[in-house]
Amino acid sequence: MKKFPFFILSLIISLAIASCKSDESTWEKYADWREVNSEWLKEQEALTVDGNLFYEKVSPNYDQGNYVLVHWFNDREETKGNLSPFYTSTVDVKYIGRLYNDEPFDSSYNNTTYGDSIFRTKVNAVIAGWTTVLQQMHVGDSVEVIIPYQSAYGSSSSGTINPYSNLKFNIKLVNIPYWEVKP
């Protein structure tokens, strides 16, 4: 009976060591993928059209290390008086998500629960990059956003998304149901 706690402790330590080794193998396994994604992100950060940067780098005030690259498709002057979501808001969006090579991995265009192609979510219930960009948008805004892997799924995979994947989304903010009144 005295050996049982020792056995449990040994098992826990073995599992902890094994989990550390699997992180290293994930890092090594996706080395080429990380490199390609990193180079693509650098290209997007430097992309210019008519001498101007195509994407604007946007960081939330509460986490300056977190950023996304945003290209606005609409004239923001036309939507600046529209509602903008809070961190705790529920939003209705239309979107399509792609990997660095333009391979689609997700889309709202098959959803019908909340309306044609609408995905409803809380701003604080999605990946950090989405939270960042949604708080910058007004109802009616359409953007293309590049989300670095650190603000997406990091070193984890999700469905067909590999670890260390920088993501590209086209997002349209359609509505903010249950709008909260600003204090």
Protein backbone atom coordinates (compact mmCIF):
# COMPACT_ATOMS: atom_id res chain seq x y z
CA MET A 1 0.00 0.00 0.00
CA LYS A 2 2.91 2.37 0.71
CA LYS A 3 4.19 1.85 -2.84
CA PHE A 4 0.90 3.03 -4.41
CA PRO A 5 1.50 6.83 -3.90
CA PHE A 6 5.05 6.39 -5.26
CA PHE A 7 3.61 4.62 -8.33
CA ILE A 8 1.08 7.42 -8.93
CA LEU A 9 3.78 10.09 -8.53
CA SER A 10 6.06 8.22 -10.97
CA LEU A 11 3.22 7.98 -13.49
CA ILE A 12 2.49 11.72 -13.27
CA ILE A 13 6.17 12.61 -13.73
CA SER A 14 6.44 10.25 -16.72
CA LEU A 15 3.40 11.82 -18.36
CA ALA A 16 4.77 15.33 -17.77
CA ILE A 17 8.10 14.41 -19.38
CA ALA A 18 6.35 12.75 -22.31
CA SER A 19 4.18 15.82 -22.90
CA CYS A 20 7.27 18.05 -23.01
CA LYS A 21 8.88 15.81 -25.59
CA SER A 22 5.75 15.92 -27.78
CA ASP A 23 5.93 19.76 -27.83
CA GLU A 24 9.47 19.55 -29.16
CA SER A 25 8.48 17.07 -31.83
CA THR A 26 5.55 19.30 -32.89
CA TRP A 27 7.99 22.22 -33.23
CA GLU A 28 10.35 20.09 -35.31
CA LYS A 29 7.59 18.35 -37.28
CA TYR A 30 6.16 21.67 -38.49
CA ALA A 31 9.50 23.46 -39.06
CA ASP A 32 8.99 23.78 -42.84
CA TRP A 33 5.36 24.84 -42.37
CA ARG A 34 6.38 27.49 -39.82
CA GLU A 35 9.07 28.83 -42.15
CA VAL A 36 6.71 29.13 -45.13
CA ASN A 37 4.05 30.79 -42.96
CA SER A 38 6.60 33.18 -41.47
CA GLU A 39 7.87 34.26 -44.89
CA TRP A 40 4.29 34.72 -46.17
CA LEU A 41 3.43 36.90 -43.16
CA LYS A 42 6.50 39.08 -43.78
CA GLU A 43 5.43 39.47 -47.42
CA GLN A 44 1.92 40.51 -46.36
CA GLU A 45 3.28 43.05 -43.85
CA ALA A 46 5.38 44.64 -46.63
CA LEU A 47 2.76 44.40 -49.41
CA THR A 48 2.15 47.76 -51.10
CA VAL A 49 -0.36 49.02 -53.64
CA ASP A 50 0.41 52.32 -55.36
CA GLY A 51 3.20 52.96 -52.87
CA ASN A 52 0.97 52.48 -49.79
CA LEU A 53 0.93 49.53 -47.42
CA PHE A 54 -2.01 47.27 -48.29
CA TYR A 55 -2.57 46.18 -44.69
CA GLU A 56 -2.81 48.30 -41.55
CA LYS A 57 -1.24 46.81 -38.42
CA VAL A 58 -3.81 46.87 -35.62
CA SER A 59 -3.14 46.07 -31.94
CA PRO A 60 -5.59 46.17 -29.05
CA ASN A 61 -4.86 48.75 -26.35
CA TYR A 62 -4.81 46.03 -23.70
CA ASP A 63 -2.20 43.84 -25.49
CA GLN A 64 0.23 45.72 -27.74
CA GLY A 65 2.14 42.48 -28.49
CA ASN A 66 -0.93 41.00 -30.17
CA TYR A 67 -1.63 42.33 -33.66
CA VAL A 68 -3.45 41.64 -36.90
CA LEU A 69 -3.06 43.05 -40.40
CA VAL A 70 -6.29 44.61 -41.71
CA HIS A 71 -7.34 45.81 -45.14
CA TRP A 72 -10.66 47.66 -45.18
CA PHE A 73 -12.76 47.03 -48.31
CA ASN A 74 -15.27 49.79 -47.54
CA ASP A 75 -14.91 53.51 -46.91
CA ARG A 76 -14.77 53.69 -43.10
CA GLU A 77 -16.20 57.22 -43.18
CA GLU A 78 -19.50 55.73 -44.35
CA THR A 79 -19.74 53.36 -41.36
CA LYS A 80 -18.09 55.39 -38.57
CA GLY A 81 -21.47 56.30 -37.04
CA ASN A 82 -22.63 52.66 -36.97
CA LEU A 83 -22.48 50.45 -33.89
CA SER A 84 -19.16 48.89 -32.91
CA PRO A 85 -18.97 45.81 -30.67
CA PHE A 86 -17.58 45.65 -27.16
CA TYR A 87 -15.41 42.80 -25.91
CA THR A 88 -18.54 41.12 -24.46
CA SER A 89 -20.86 41.79 -27.42
CA THR A 90 -22.57 39.17 -29.54
CA VAL A 91 -22.00 39.72 -33.26
CA ASP A 92 -23.37 38.42 -36.54
CA VAL A 93 -20.71 38.06 -39.22
CA LYS A 94 -20.19 36.54 -42.64
CA TYR A 95 -16.73 35.13 -43.23
CA ILE A 96 -14.46 32.81 -45.12
CA GLY A 97 -11.15 31.60 -43.69
CA ARG A 98 -8.11 30.60 -45.72
CA LEU A 99 -4.58 29.39 -45.07
CA TYR A 100 -1.51 31.25 -46.38
CA ASN A 101 -1.83 29.39 -49.71
CA ASP A 102 -5.48 30.50 -50.16
CA GLU A 103 -6.80 27.04 -49.30
CA PRO A 104 -10.20 27.57 -47.62
CA PHE A 105 -10.69 25.86 -44.26
CA ASP A 106 -13.91 27.39 -42.93
CA SER A 107 -16.81 29.57 -43.99
CA SER A 108 -20.12 30.87 -42.72
CA TYR A 109 -21.70 30.59 -46.17
CA ASN A 110 -23.45 27.30 -45.36
CA ASN A 111 -25.01 28.61 -42.12
CA THR A 112 -28.74 29.32 -42.00
CA THR A 113 -29.49 29.27 -38.25
CA TYR A 114 -29.36 33.07 -37.72
CA GLY A 115 -29.96 34.09 -41.33
CA ASP A 116 -28.37 33.56 -44.69
CA SER A 117 -24.64 32.84 -44.18
CA ILE A 118 -24.62 34.36 -40.67
CA PHE A 119 -22.26 33.14 -37.96
CA ARG A 120 -23.24 34.40 -34.49
CA THR A 121 -20.64 34.51 -31.75
CA LYS A 122 -19.41 36.48 -28.76
CA VAL A 123 -16.44 38.74 -29.50
CA ASN A 124 -14.54 37.25 -26.56
CA ALA A 125 -15.30 33.63 -27.57
CA VAL A 126 -13.17 33.48 -30.72
CA ILE A 127 -9.44 33.46 -31.45
CA ALA A 128 -7.54 36.54 -30.25
CA GLY A 129 -7.06 37.87 -33.79
CA TRP A 130 -10.81 37.92 -34.40
CA THR A 131 -11.40 39.65 -31.06
CA THR A 132 -8.87 42.32 -32.05
CA VAL A 133 -10.35 43.06 -35.46
CA LEU A 134 -14.02 42.85 -34.46
CA GLN A 135 -13.55 45.55 -31.81
CA GLN A 136 -12.17 47.85 -34.55
CA MET A 137 -15.10 47.29 -36.91
CA HIS A 138 -18.49 49.00 -37.25
CA VAL A 139 -21.64 47.32 -38.55
CA GLY A 140 -21.33 47.26 -42.34
CA ASP A 141 -17.52 47.07 -42.43
CA SER A 142 -15.86 44.43 -44.61
CA VAL A 143 -12.22 43.52 -44.09
CA GLU A 144 -9.51 41.14 -45.08
CA VAL A 145 -7.50 40.29 -42.00
CA ILE A 146 -4.24 38.39 -41.64
CA ILE A 147 -3.90 36.78 -38.22
CA PRO A 148 -0.42 35.65 -37.09
CA TYR A 149 -0.42 32.15 -35.65
CA GLN A 150 0.24 33.50 -32.12
CA SER A 151 -3.16 35.26 -32.28
CA ALA A 152 -4.84 32.27 -33.93
CA TYR A 153 -4.33 28.67 -32.76
CA GLY A 154 -0.65 28.94 -31.82
CA SER A 155 1.16 25.62 -31.63
CA SER A 156 -2.14 23.69 -31.63
CA SER A 157 -4.03 22.36 -34.58
CA SER A 158 -7.74 22.83 -35.20
CA GLY A 159 -9.48 20.66 -37.77
CA THR A 160 -7.54 21.08 -41.03
CA ILE A 161 -5.48 23.96 -39.61
CA ASN A 162 -1.91 22.91 -38.81
CA PRO A 163 -0.01 24.27 -35.81
CA TYR A 164 1.80 27.58 -36.49
CA SER A 165 -0.67 28.61 -39.21
CA ASN A 166 -1.09 32.28 -40.05
CA LEU A 167 -4.68 32.74 -41.18
CA LYS A 168 -6.45 35.01 -43.66
CA PHE A 169 -10.13 35.88 -43.25
CA ASN A 170 -12.59 37.98 -45.18
CA ILE A 171 -15.10 39.21 -42.60
CA LYS A 172 -18.21 41.36 -42.83
CA LEU A 173 -19.77 42.64 -39.60
CA VAL A 174 -23.50 42.35 -40.29
CA ASN A 175 -25.14 43.08 -36.94
CA ILE A 176 -24.70 43.37 -33.19
CA PRO A 177 -27.76 41.70 -31.69
CA TYR A 178 -28.53 42.41 -28.03
CA TRP A 179 -26.55 45.67 -28.27
CA GLU A 180 -25.17 46.88 -24.94
CA VAL A 181 -25.55 50.58 -24.21
CA LYS A 182 -22.22 52.37 -23.65
CA PRO A 183 -21.89 53.66 -20.07
